[in-house]
Protein backbone atom coordinates (compact mmCIF):
# COMPACT_ATOMS: atom_id res chain seq x y z
CA GLN A 1 4.78 14.70 -6.62
CA VAL A 2 1.19 13.94 -5.69
CA GLN A 3 0.72 11.66 -2.72
CA LEU A 4 -2.29 10.39 -0.80
CA VAL A 5 -1.29 8.25 2.15
CA GLU A 6 -3.99 6.40 4.09
CA SER A 7 -3.47 5.18 7.64
CA GLY A 8 -5.53 3.95 10.59
CA GLY A 9 -6.75 0.63 9.28
CA GLY A 10 -6.52 -2.59 11.23
CA LEU A 11 -8.40 -5.40 12.91
CA VAL A 12 -11.38 -4.49 15.07
CA GLN A 13 -14.22 -6.45 16.65
CA PRO A 14 -17.83 -5.93 15.53
CA GLY A 15 -19.21 -2.84 17.17
CA GLY A 16 -15.80 -1.25 17.43
CA SER A 17 -14.46 1.95 15.91
CA LEU A 18 -11.61 3.04 13.71
CA ARG A 19 -10.52 6.40 12.37
CA LEU A 20 -8.93 6.46 8.96
CA SER A 21 -6.70 9.33 7.86
CA CYS A 22 -5.56 10.33 4.41
CA ALA A 23 -2.67 12.78 4.26
CA ALA A 24 -2.35 14.65 0.97
CA SER A 25 0.58 16.42 -0.63
CA GLY A 26 1.68 17.70 -4.01
CA PHE A 27 -1.55 19.46 -5.00
CA THR A 28 -3.84 22.20 -3.69
CA PHE A 29 -5.84 20.07 -1.28
CA SER A 30 -8.36 22.78 -0.38
CA THR A 31 -9.66 22.92 -3.97
CA TYR A 32 -10.37 19.21 -4.30
CA ALA A 33 -13.40 17.25 -3.19
CA MET A 34 -12.35 14.16 -1.27
CA SER A 35 -13.93 10.78 -0.94
CA TRP A 36 -13.45 7.39 0.65
CA HIS A 37 -14.03 4.21 -1.29
CA ARG A 38 -13.68 0.55 -0.38
CA GLN A 39 -13.13 -2.66 -2.24
CA VAL A 40 -13.29 -6.35 -1.41
CA PRO A 41 -11.73 -9.03 -3.61
CA GLY A 42 -13.87 -9.90 -6.59
CA LYS A 43 -16.08 -6.84 -6.28
CA GLU A 44 -16.02 -3.36 -7.73
CA ARG A 45 -14.69 -0.48 -5.71
CA GLU A 46 -17.59 1.41 -4.13
CA LEU A 47 -18.03 4.96 -2.89
CA VAL A 48 -18.45 5.15 0.89
CA ALA A 49 -18.44 8.88 1.66
CA SER A 50 -17.55 12.15 0.02
CA ILE A 51 -16.98 15.74 1.11
CA ARG A 52 -16.89 18.99 -0.76
CA ALA A 53 -13.65 20.95 -1.01
CA ASP A 54 -14.79 23.50 1.59
CA GLY A 55 -16.29 20.79 3.82
CA THR A 56 -19.79 22.22 3.66
CA TRP A 57 -21.44 19.19 2.06
CA THR A 58 -21.08 15.48 2.70
CA ASN A 59 -22.68 12.36 1.28
CA TYR A 60 -22.71 8.73 2.39
CA LYS A 61 -23.44 5.28 1.11
CA HIS A 62 -26.76 4.27 2.60
CA SER A 63 -25.40 1.35 4.59
CA VAL A 64 -22.89 3.51 6.50
CA ARG A 65 -25.04 6.55 7.11
CA GLY A 66 -25.27 7.26 10.82
CA ARG A 67 -22.18 5.14 11.56
CA PHE A 68 -19.45 6.79 9.48
CA THR A 69 -18.44 10.44 9.41
CA ILE A 70 -16.19 12.06 6.83
CA SER A 71 -14.38 15.26 7.70
CA ARG A 72 -11.41 17.24 6.50
CA ASP A 73 -8.75 19.62 7.81
CA ASN A 74 -7.70 21.88 4.96
CA ALA A 75 -5.03 23.50 7.10
CA ASN A 76 -3.31 20.14 7.46
CA ASN A 77 -4.23 18.60 4.09
CA THR A 78 -5.94 15.63 5.66
CA VAL A 79 -9.27 13.91 5.27
CA TYR A 80 -10.68 11.55 7.84
CA LEU A 81 -13.23 8.76 8.04
CA GLN A 82 -14.52 8.05 11.52
CA MET A 83 -16.11 4.60 11.50
CA ASN A 84 -18.28 3.55 14.45
CA ASN A 85 -20.32 0.44 15.13
CA LEU A 86 -18.33 -1.49 12.57
CA LYS A 87 -19.81 -4.59 11.02
CA PRO A 88 -18.15 -7.60 9.36
CA GLU A 89 -19.51 -6.39 6.02
CA ASP A 90 -17.41 -3.24 6.38
CA THR A 91 -14.30 -5.36 5.90
CA ALA A 92 -12.46 -4.06 2.84
CA VAL A 93 -9.47 -2.12 1.64
CA TYR A 94 -10.32 1.57 2.06
CA TYR A 95 -8.98 4.16 -0.41
CA CYS A 96 -9.15 7.92 -0.44
CA LYS A 97 -9.55 9.87 -3.64
CA ALA A 98 -9.09 13.51 -4.60
CA LEU A 99 -11.16 14.98 -7.41
CA ASN A 100 -11.23 18.54 -8.74
CA GLY A 101 -14.41 18.27 -10.78
CA GLY A 102 -12.51 17.77 -14.01
CA PRO A 103 -10.51 14.89 -15.40
CA THR A 104 -7.87 14.97 -12.68
CA GLU A 105 -8.19 12.53 -9.82
CA TYR A 106 -5.71 10.97 -7.43
CA TRP A 107 -5.91 7.76 -5.42
CA GLY A 108 -4.13 6.53 -2.33
CA GLN A 109 -2.64 3.07 -1.96
CA GLY A 110 -5.34 1.85 0.45
CA THR A 111 -5.52 0.63 4.02
CA GLN A 112 -7.02 -2.67 5.14
CA VAL A 113 -9.94 -2.69 7.55
CA THR A 114 -10.97 -6.06 8.98
CA VAL A 115 -13.98 -6.41 11.24
CA SER A 116 -14.01 -9.79 12.91
CA SER A 117 -14.39 -11.37 16.31
């Protein structure tokens, strides 16, 4: 059974940091590219950051570049999103996704991140 379980969300003040984790099981994690997406009510889900299966390439949404870092631990089937200098506009539900380059993709259930004073 495929599972992606996000954790690490919460309430943080502007300028603060959070580290999201996404624990994967039920598929060969090391062969899947991973990405983080976010969604606010009434808007489409957007790509925040992505990382190649072997971790050698990453890409970021322009507004988070320099503040967020995506990384992965293939030995422990986990992908991370380190978020620094958080802003109110980063408030959203954050989802991780696994993609193998073909039609197969998996999504987690999401974790809420709220940036507010």
